Amino acid sequence: VSAGEGPVFDAAGWAQALAGYYGEHDEIGTGPDARGPGLLLLDEAPGVWTARQIFDDPAGDHDWGISAEIDLAASDEAGVAMVRVRAVDRL
């Protein structure tokens, strides 16, 4: 699902984005390992950080995740993290 510059992640957009993952796995882990630094890749470049949150899948493949960008200036201005999800996909 997309509009303008990128995908739209409303309820229908998330369902569509996660369909491939759920075709292979029944759940996404949410325990300590899923939330820990081992499954988060972060590139802290000036102005925009890029992130990849890897899903903690039951098989331990860790081949699916969310790619996003964090606009630091927009975040400072808004007072909250301005995160643009770029993809939900297989590595």
PDB file of N, CA and C in Angstrom:
ATOM      1  N   VAL A   1       0.861  -1.163   0.000  1.00  0.00           N
ATOM      2  CA  VAL A   1       0.000   0.000   0.000  1.00  0.00           C
ATOM      3  C   VAL A   1       0.902   1.218   0.000  1.00  0.00           C
ATOM      4  N   SER A   2       0.662   2.157  -0.869  1.00  0.00           N
ATOM      5  CA  SER A   2       1.520   3.331  -0.877  1.00  0.00           C
ATOM      6  C   SER A   2       0.731   4.591  -1.201  1.00  0.00           C
ATOM      7  N   ALA A   3       1.303   5.708  -0.789  1.00  0.00           N
ATOM      8  CA  ALA A   3       0.738   7.020  -1.086  1.00  0.00           C
ATOM      9  C   ALA A   3       1.886   8.010  -1.048  1.00  0.00           C
ATOM     10  N   GLY A   4       2.039   8.790  -2.063  1.00  0.00           N
ATOM     11  CA  GLY A   4       3.093   9.791  -2.071  1.00  0.00           C
ATOM     12  C   GLY A   4       4.465   9.162  -2.080  1.00  0.00           C
ATOM     13  N   GLU A   5       5.254   9.421  -1.042  1.00  0.00           N
ATOM     14  CA  GLU A   5       6.646   9.013  -0.998  1.00  0.00           C
ATOM     15  C   GLU A   5       6.882   7.565  -0.593  1.00  0.00           C
ATOM     16  N   GLY A   6       5.921   6.914   0.025  1.00  0.00           N
ATOM     17  CA  GLY A   6       6.207   5.566   0.501  1.00  0.00           C
ATOM     18  C   GLY A   6       4.963   4.835   0.931  1.00  0.00           C
ATOM     19  N   PRO A   7       5.165   3.689   1.572  1.00  0.00           N
ATOM     20  CA  PRO A   7       4.036   2.868   1.994  1.00  0.00           C
ATOM     21  C   PRO A   7       3.202   3.554   3.074  1.00  0.00           C
ATOM     22  N   VAL A   8       1.935   3.207   3.099  1.00  0.00           N
ATOM     23  CA  VAL A   8       1.035   3.674   4.153  1.00  0.00           C
ATOM     24  C   VAL A   8       0.860   2.523   5.130  1.00  0.00           C
ATOM     25  N   PHE A   9       1.188   2.768   6.399  1.00  0.00           N
ATOM     26  CA  PHE A   9       1.124   1.705   7.381  1.00  0.00           C
ATOM     27  C   PHE A   9      -0.034   1.930   8.345  1.00  0.00           C
ATOM     28  N   ASP A  10      -1.249   1.877   7.778  1.00  0.00           N
ATOM     29  CA  ASP A  10      -2.449   1.809   8.601  1.00  0.00           C
ATOM     30  C   ASP A  10      -2.691   0.323   8.864  1.00  0.00           C
ATOM     31  N   ALA A  11      -3.810  -0.038   9.446  1.00  0.00           N
ATOM     32  CA  ALA A  11      -4.072  -1.450   9.775  1.00  0.00           C
ATOM     33  C   ALA A  11      -4.000  -2.339   8.538  1.00  0.00           C
ATOM     34  N   ALA A  12      -4.588  -1.892   7.448  1.00  0.00           N
ATOM     35  CA  ALA A  12      -4.562  -2.692   6.218  1.00  0.00           C
ATOM     36  C   ALA A  12      -3.146  -2.772   5.650  1.00  0.00           C
ATOM     37  N   GLY A  13      -2.401  -1.675   5.727  1.00  0.00           N
ATOM     38  CA  GLY A  13      -1.030  -1.658   5.243  1.00  0.00           C
ATOM     39  C   GLY A  13      -0.126  -2.589   6.023  1.00  0.00           C
ATOM     40  N   TRP A  14      -0.290  -2.606   7.376  1.00  0.00           N
ATOM     41  CA  TRP A  14       0.502  -3.520   8.200  1.00  0.00           C
ATOM     42  C   TRP A  14       0.140  -4.965   7.893  1.00  0.00           C
ATOM     43  N   ALA A  15      -1.152  -5.245   7.724  1.00  0.00           N
ATOM     44  CA  ALA A  15      -1.570  -6.623   7.404  1.00  0.00           C
ATOM     45  C   ALA A  15      -0.944  -7.072   6.083  1.00  0.00           C
ATOM     46  N   GLN A  16      -0.957  -6.193   5.102  1.00  0.00           N
ATOM     47  CA  GLN A  16      -0.361  -6.515   3.803  1.00  0.00           C
ATOM     48  C   GLN A  16       1.151  -6.677   3.929  1.00  0.00           C
ATOM     49  N   ALA A  17       1.809  -5.778   4.658  1.00  0.00           N
ATOM     50  CA  ALA A  17       3.256  -5.825   4.804  1.00  0.00           C
ATOM     51  C   ALA A  17       3.722  -7.090   5.526  1.00  0.00           C
ATOM     52  N   LEU A  18       2.927  -7.565   6.467  1.00  0.00           N
ATOM     53  CA  LEU A  18       3.307  -8.737   7.260  1.00  0.00           C
ATOM     54  C   LEU A  18       2.819 -10.062   6.681  1.00  0.00           C
ATOM     55  N   ALA A  19       2.058 -10.020   5.598  1.00  0.00           N
ATOM     56  CA  ALA A  19       1.491 -11.246   5.027  1.00  0.00           C
ATOM     57  C   ALA A  19       2.567 -12.266   4.661  1.00  0.00           C
ATOM     58  N   GLY A  20       3.650 -11.829   4.055  1.00  0.00           N
ATOM     59  CA  GLY A  20       4.728 -12.747   3.682  1.00  0.00           C
ATOM     60  C   GLY A  20       5.359 -13.397   4.894  1.00  0.00           C
ATOM     61  N   TYR A  21       5.593 -12.596   5.937  1.00  0.00           N
ATOM     62  CA  TYR A  21       6.174 -13.133   7.170  1.00  0.00           C
ATOM     63  C   TYR A  21       5.254 -14.190   7.770  1.00  0.00           C
ATOM     64  N   TYR A  22       3.979 -13.833   7.907  1.00  0.00           N
ATOM     65  CA  TYR A  22       3.030 -14.780   8.521  1.00  0.00           C
ATOM     66  C   TYR A  22       2.727 -15.971   7.620  1.00  0.00           C
ATOM     67  N   GLY A  23       3.100 -15.914   6.363  1.00  0.00           N
ATOM     68  CA  GLY A  23       3.031 -17.087   5.501  1.00  0.00           C
ATOM     69  C   GLY A  23       4.084 -18.127   5.881  1.00  0.00           C
ATOM     70  N   GLU A  24       5.128 -17.670   6.565  1.00  0.00           N
ATOM     71  CA  GLU A  24       6.217 -18.555   6.978  1.00  0.00           C
ATOM     72  C   GLU A  24       6.244 -18.846   8.476  1.00  0.00           C
ATOM     73  N   HIS A  25       5.727 -17.929   9.283  1.00  0.00           N
ATOM     74  CA  HIS A  25       5.810 -18.048  10.738  1.00  0.00           C
ATOM     75  C   HIS A  25       4.459 -17.737  11.371  1.00  0.00           C
ATOM     76  N   ASP A  26       4.210 -18.334  12.526  1.00  0.00           N
ATOM     77  CA  ASP A  26       2.938 -18.136  13.216  1.00  0.00           C
ATOM     78  C   ASP A  26       2.938 -16.936  14.154  1.00  0.00           C
ATOM     79  N   GLU A  27       4.121 -16.482  14.567  1.00  0.00           N
ATOM     80  CA  GLU A  27       4.174 -15.389  15.545  1.00  0.00           C
ATOM     81  C   GLU A  27       5.478 -14.619  15.411  1.00  0.00           C
ATOM     82  N   ILE A  28       5.498 -13.430  16.013  1.00  0.00           N
ATOM     83  CA  ILE A  28       6.711 -12.625  16.145  1.00  0.00           C
ATOM     84  C   ILE A  28       7.011 -12.564  17.634  1.00  0.00           C
ATOM     85  N   GLY A  29       8.211 -12.960  18.010  1.00  0.00           N
ATOM     86  CA  GLY A  29       8.599 -12.929  19.416  1.00  0.00           C
ATOM     87  C   GLY A  29       8.631 -11.503  19.951  1.00  0.00           C
ATOM     88  N   THR A  30       8.233 -11.361  21.207  1.00  0.00           N
ATOM     89  CA  THR A  30       8.240 -10.045  21.860  1.00  0.00           C
ATOM     90  C   THR A  30       8.997 -10.080  23.182  1.00  0.00           C
ATOM     91  N   GLY A  31       9.714 -11.154  23.448  1.00  0.00           N
ATOM     92  CA  GLY A  31      10.457 -11.304  24.700  1.00  0.00           C
ATOM     93  C   GLY A  31      11.714 -10.455  24.726  1.00  0.00           C
ATOM     94  N   PRO A  32      12.538 -10.661  25.754  1.00  0.00           N
ATOM     95  CA  PRO A  32      13.756  -9.857  25.920  1.00  0.00           C
ATOM     96  C   PRO A  32      14.692  -9.896  24.716  1.00  0.00           C
ATOM     97  N   ASP A  33      14.862 -11.044  24.089  1.00  0.00           N
ATOM     98  CA  ASP A  33      15.737 -11.118  22.912  1.00  0.00           C
ATOM     99  C   ASP A  33      15.203 -10.266  21.770  1.00  0.00           C
ATOM    100  N   ALA A  34      13.884 -10.251  21.581  1.00  0.00           N
ATOM    101  CA  ALA A  34      13.267  -9.468  20.511  1.00  0.00           C
ATOM    102  C   ALA A  34      13.468  -7.975  20.729  1.00  0.00           C
ATOM    103  N   ARG A  35      13.523  -7.566  21.987  1.00  0.00           N
ATOM    104  CA  ARG A  35      13.645  -6.141  22.315  1.00  0.00           C
ATOM    105  C   ARG A  35      15.084  -5.716  22.580  1.00  0.00           C
ATOM    106  N   GLY A  36      15.999  -6.660  22.573  1.00  0.00           N
ATOM    107  CA  GLY A  36      17.385  -6.367  22.904  1.00  0.00           C
ATOM    108  C   GLY A  36      18.178  -5.823  21.730  1.00  0.00           C
ATOM    109  N   PRO A  37      19.406  -5.384  21.998  1.00  0.00           N
ATOM    110  CA  PRO A  37      20.235  -4.771  20.963  1.00  0.00           C
ATOM    111  C   PRO A  37      20.710  -5.733  19.882  1.00  0.00           C
ATOM    112  N   GLY A  38      20.644  -7.031  20.128  1.00  0.00           N
ATOM    113  CA  GLY A  38      21.097  -7.996  19.138  1.00  0.00           C
ATOM    114  C   GLY A  38      20.262  -8.042  17.873  1.00  0.00           C
ATOM    115  N   LEU A  39      19.028  -7.578  17.945  1.00  0.00           N
ATOM    116  CA  LEU A  39      18.148  -7.615  16.774  1.00  0.00           C
ATOM    117  C   LEU A  39      17.829  -6.218  16.240  1.00  0.00           C
ATOM    118  N   LEU A  40      18.605  -5.228  16.649  1.00  0.00           N
ATOM    119  CA  LEU A  40      18.425  -3.862  16.160  1.00  0.00           C
ATOM    120  C   LEU A  40      19.714  -3.377  15.529  1.00  0.00           C
ATOM    121  N   LEU A  41      19.635  -2.995  14.263  1.00  0.00           N
ATOM    122  CA  LEU A  41      20.772  -2.404  13.562  1.00  0.00           C
ATOM    123  C   LEU A  41      20.481  -0.918  13.435  1.00  0.00           C
ATOM    124  N   LEU A  42      21.414  -0.064  13.856  1.00  0.00           N
ATOM    125  CA  LEU A  42      21.190   1.372  13.837  1.00  0.00           C
ATOM    126  C   LEU A  42      22.412   2.064  13.255  1.00  0.00           C
ATOM    127  N   ASP A  43      22.185   2.883  12.236  1.00  0.00           N
ATOM    128  CA  ASP A  43      23.238   3.684  11.626  1.00  0.00           C
ATOM    129  C   ASP A  43      22.948   5.138  11.958  1.00  0.00           C
ATOM    130  N   GLU A  44      23.765   5.734  12.809  1.00  0.00           N
ATOM    131  CA  GLU A  44      23.547   7.088  13.307  1.00  0.00           C
ATOM    132  C   GLU A  44      24.293   8.097  12.443  1.00  0.00           C
ATOM    133  N   ALA A  45      23.795   8.361  11.247  1.00  0.00           N
ATOM    134  CA  ALA A  45      24.383   9.347  10.345  1.00  0.00           C
ATOM    135  C   ALA A  45      23.876  10.745  10.709  1.00  0.00           C
ATOM    136  N   PRO A  46      24.625  11.786  10.347  1.00  0.00           N
ATOM    137  CA  PRO A  46      24.167  13.148  10.636  1.00  0.00           C
ATOM    138  C   PRO A  46      22.806  13.428   9.983  1.00  0.00           C
ATOM    139  N   GLY A  47      21.865  13.892  10.768  1.00  0.00           N
ATOM    140  CA  GLY A  47      20.563  14.296  10.246  1.00  0.00           C
ATOM    141  C   GLY A  47      19.514  13.206  10.172  1.00  0.00           C
ATOM    142  N   VAL A  48      19.913  12.015   9.755  1.00  0.00           N
ATOM    143  CA  VAL A  48      18.949  10.917   9.599  1.00  0.00           C
ATOM    144  C   VAL A  48      19.592   9.623  10.064  1.00  0.00           C
ATOM    145  N   TRP A  49      18.932   8.960  10.976  1.00  0.00           N
ATOM    146  CA  TRP A  49      19.372   7.635  11.385  1.00  0.00           C
ATOM    147  C   TRP A  49      18.587   6.608  10.592  1.00  0.00           C
ATOM    148  N   THR A  50      19.214   5.503  10.245  1.00  0.00           N
ATOM    149  CA  THR A  50      18.501   4.393   9.630  1.00  0.00           C
ATOM    150  C   THR A  50      18.519   3.228  10.603  1.00  0.00           C
ATOM    151  N   ALA A  51      17.419   2.509  10.629  1.00  0.00           N
ATOM    152  CA  ALA A  51      17.268   1.409  11.578  1.00  0.00           C
ATOM    153  C   ALA A  51      16.697   0.182  10.882  1.00  0.00           C
ATOM    154  N   ARG A  52      17.092  -0.957  11.378  1.00  0.00           N
ATOM    155  CA  ARG A  52      16.520  -2.234  10.948  1.00  0.00           C
ATOM    156  C   ARG A  52      16.205  -3.013  12.216  1.00  0.00           C
ATOM    157  N   GLN A  53      14.908  -3.199  12.503  1.00  0.00           N
ATOM    158  CA  GLN A  53      14.473  -4.031  13.631  1.00  0.00           C
ATOM    159  C   GLN A  53      14.196  -5.417  13.086  1.00  0.00           C
ATOM    160  N   ILE A  54      15.003  -6.369  13.468  1.00  0.00           N
ATOM    161  CA  ILE A  54      14.874  -7.743  12.986  1.00  0.00           C
ATOM    162  C   ILE A  54      13.843  -8.467  13.841  1.00  0.00           C
ATOM    163  N   PHE A  55      12.949  -9.209  13.188  1.00  0.00           N
ATOM    164  CA  PHE A  55      11.931  -9.960  13.907  1.00  0.00           C
ATOM    165  C   PHE A  55      12.541 -11.194  14.560  1.00  0.00           C
ATOM    166  N   ASP A  56      12.105 -11.474  15.768  1.00  0.00           N
ATOM    167  CA  ASP A  56      12.507 -12.677  16.491  1.00  0.00           C
ATOM    168  C   ASP A  56      11.520 -13.781  16.132  1.00  0.00           C
ATOM    169  N   ASP A  57      11.800 -14.456  15.014  1.00  0.00           N
ATOM    170  CA  ASP A  57      10.877 -15.493  14.540  1.00  0.00           C
ATOM    171  C   ASP A  57      11.120 -16.803  15.275  1.00  0.00           C
ATOM    172  N   PRO A  58      10.089 -17.669  15.349  1.00  0.00           N
ATOM    173  CA  PRO A  58      10.193 -18.915  16.110  1.00  0.00           C
ATOM    174  C   PRO A  58      11.287 -19.863  15.605  1.00  0.00           C
ATOM    175  N   ALA A  59      11.611 -19.801  14.320  1.00  0.00           N
ATOM    176  CA  ALA A  59      12.637 -20.686  13.772  1.00  0.00           C
ATOM    177  C   ALA A  59      14.045 -20.157  14.044  1.00  0.00           C
ATOM    178  N   GLY A  60      14.151 -18.916  14.498  1.00  0.00           N
ATOM    179  CA  GLY A  60      15.454 -18.322  14.760  1.00  0.00           C
ATOM    180  C   GLY A  60      16.195 -17.900  13.506  1.00  0.00           C
ATOM    181  N   ASP A  61      15.473 -17.754  12.387  1.00  0.00           N
ATOM    182  CA  ASP A  61      16.106 -17.370  11.127  1.00  0.00           C
ATOM    183  C   ASP A  61      16.536 -15.895  11.119  1.00  0.00           C
ATOM    184  N   HIS A  62      15.757 -15.048  11.782  1.00  0.00           N
ATOM    185  CA  HIS A  62      16.038 -13.608  11.857  1.00  0.00           C
ATOM    186  C   HIS A  62      16.268 -13.005  10.478  1.00  0.00           C
ATOM    187  N   ASP A  63      15.416 -13.398   9.520  1.00  0.00           N
ATOM    188  CA  ASP A  63      15.570 -12.922   8.151  1.00  0.00           C
ATOM    189  C   ASP A  63      14.480 -11.941   7.717  1.00  0.00           C
ATOM    190  N   TRP A  64      13.587 -11.564   8.619  1.00  0.00           N
ATOM    191  CA  TRP A  64      12.548 -10.579   8.330  1.00  0.00           C
ATOM    192  C   TRP A  64      12.682  -9.421   9.309  1.00  0.00           C
ATOM    193  N   GLY A  65      12.243  -8.245   8.889  1.00  0.00           N
ATOM    194  CA  GLY A  65      12.272  -7.116   9.798  1.00  0.00           C
ATOM    195  C   GLY A  65      11.681  -5.863   9.198  1.00  0.00           C
ATOM    196  N   ILE A  66      11.807  -4.787   9.959  1.00  0.00           N
ATOM    197  CA  ILE A  66      11.303  -3.475   9.567  1.00  0.00           C
ATOM    198  C   ILE A  66      12.502  -2.568   9.331  1.00  0.00           C
ATOM    199  N   SER A  67      12.530  -1.895   8.181  1.00  0.00           N
ATOM    200  CA  SER A  67      13.540  -0.879   7.893  1.00  0.00           C
ATOM    201  C   SER A  67      12.883   0.488   8.017  1.00  0.00           C
ATOM    202  N   ALA A  68      13.573   1.418   8.680  1.00  0.00           N
ATOM    203  CA  ALA A  68      12.996   2.737   8.908  1.00  0.00           C
ATOM    204  C   ALA A  68      14.075   3.805   8.927  1.00  0.00           C
ATOM    205  N   GLU A  69      13.628   5.057   8.780  1.00  0.00           N
ATOM    206  CA  GLU A  69      14.490   6.221   8.907  1.00  0.00           C
ATOM    207  C   GLU A  69      13.937   7.118   9.999  1.00  0.00           C
ATOM    208  N   ILE A  70      14.832   7.720  10.764  1.00  0.00           N
ATOM    209  CA  ILE A  70      14.440   8.665  11.810  1.00  0.00           C
ATOM    210  C   ILE A  70      15.031  10.019  11.429  1.00  0.00           C
ATOM    211  N   ASP A  71      14.174  10.993  11.160  1.00  0.00           N
ATOM    212  CA  ASP A  71      14.590  12.342  10.792  1.00  0.00           C
ATOM    213  C   ASP A  71      14.842  13.122  12.081  1.00  0.00           C
ATOM    214  N   LEU A  72      16.107  13.419  12.371  1.00  0.00           N
ATOM    215  CA  LEU A  72      16.456  14.039  13.645  1.00  0.00           C
ATOM    216  C   LEU A  72      15.946  15.469  13.772  1.00  0.00           C
ATOM    217  N   ALA A  73      16.047  16.269  12.726  1.00  0.00           N
ATOM    218  CA  ALA A  73      15.564  17.656  12.789  1.00  0.00           C
ATOM    219  C   ALA A  73      14.051  17.684  12.972  1.00  0.00           C
ATOM    220  N   ALA A  74      13.339  16.862  12.211  1.00  0.00           N
ATOM    221  CA  ALA A  74      11.877  16.812  12.336  1.00  0.00           C
ATOM    222  C   ALA A  74      11.478  16.296  13.714  1.00  0.00           C
ATOM    223  N   SER A  75      12.252  15.361  14.256  1.00  0.00           N
ATOM    224  CA  SER A  75      11.976  14.835  15.596  1.00  0.00           C
ATOM    225  C   SER A  75      12.161  15.918  16.653  1.00  0.00           C
ATOM    226  N   ASP A  76      13.244  16.681  16.540  1.00  0.00           N
ATOM    227  CA  ASP A  76      13.471  17.789  17.472  1.00  0.00           C
ATOM    228  C   ASP A  76      12.331  18.798  17.404  1.00  0.00           C
ATOM    229  N   GLU A  77      11.919  19.126  16.192  1.00  0.00           N
ATOM    230  CA  GLU A  77      10.848  20.107  16.002  1.00  0.00           C
ATOM    231  C   GLU A  77       9.514  19.612  16.562  1.00  0.00           C
ATOM    232  N   ALA A  78       9.207  18.347  16.340  1.00  0.00           N
ATOM    233  CA  ALA A  78       7.923  17.782  16.772  1.00  0.00           C
ATOM    234  C   ALA A  78       7.926  17.387  18.246  1.00  0.00           C
ATOM    235  N   GLY A  79       9.100  17.159  18.811  1.00  0.00           N
ATOM    236  CA  GLY A  79       9.179  16.715  20.201  1.00  0.00           C
ATOM    237  C   GLY A  79       8.904  15.231  20.380  1.00  0.00           C
ATOM    238  N   VAL A  80       8.806  14.507  19.285  1.00  0.00           N
ATOM    239  CA  VAL A  80       8.625  13.054  19.289  1.00  0.00           C
ATOM    240  C   VAL A  80       9.442  12.488  18.125  1.00  0.00           C
ATOM    241  N   ALA A  81       9.741  11.217  18.183  1.00  0.00           N
ATOM    242  CA  ALA A  81      10.494  10.592  17.095  1.00  0.00           C
ATOM    243  C   ALA A  81       9.666  10.583  15.816  1.00  0.00           C
ATOM    244  N   MET A  82      10.250  11.106  14.761  1.00  0.00           N
ATOM    245  CA  MET A  82       9.613  11.102  13.444  1.00  0.00           C
ATOM    246  C   MET A  82      10.225   9.950  12.649  1.00  0.00           C
ATOM    247  N   VAL A  83       9.514   8.851  12.633  1.00  0.00           N
ATOM    248  CA  VAL A  83      10.001   7.608  12.041  1.00  0.00           C
ATOM    249  C   VAL A  83       9.220   7.317  10.774  1.00  0.00           C
ATOM    250  N   ARG A  84       9.950   7.084   9.690  1.00  0.00           N
ATOM    251  CA  ARG A  84       9.319   6.717   8.423  1.00  0.00           C
ATOM    252  C   ARG A  84       9.673   5.256   8.140  1.00  0.00           C
ATOM    253  N   VAL A  85       8.676   4.389   8.184  1.00  0.00           N
ATOM    254  CA  VAL A  85       8.901   2.984   7.851  1.00  0.00           C
ATOM    255  C   VAL A  85       9.097   2.897   6.352  1.00  0.00           C
ATOM    256  N   ARG A  86      10.204   2.315   5.952  1.00  0.00           N
ATOM    257  CA  ARG A  86      10.522   2.168   4.528  1.00  0.00           C
ATOM    258  C   ARG A  86      10.138   0.800   3.975  1.00  0.00           C
ATOM    259  N   ALA A  87      10.213  -0.222   4.813  1.00  0.00           N
ATOM    260  CA  ALA A  87       9.892  -1.563   4.323  1.00  0.00           C
ATOM    261  C   ALA A  87       9.687  -2.514   5.490  1.00  0.00           C
ATOM    262  N   VAL A  88       8.889  -3.521   5.219  1.00  0.00           N
ATOM    263  CA  VAL A  88       8.765  -4.689   6.085  1.00  0.00           C
ATOM    264  C   VAL A  88       9.039  -5.845   5.141  1.00  0.00           C
ATOM    265  N   ASP A  89      10.210  -6.461   5.299  1.00  0.00           N
ATOM    266  CA  ASP A  89      10.609  -7.443   4.298  1.00  0.00           C
ATOM    267  C   ASP A  89      11.659  -8.407   4.806  1.00  0.00           C
ATOM    268  N   ARG A  90      12.017  -9.326   3.946  1.00  0.00           N
ATOM    269  CA  ARG A  90      13.067 -10.312   4.222  1.00  0.00           C
ATOM    270  C   ARG A  90      14.410  -9.666   3.915  1.00  0.00           C
ATOM    271  N   LEU A  91      15.395  -9.958   4.743  1.00  0.00           N
ATOM    272  CA  LEU A  91      16.746  -9.436   4.514  1.00  0.00           C
ATOM    273  C   LEU A  91      17.319  -9.978   3.229  1.00  0.00           C
TER     274      LEU A  91
END
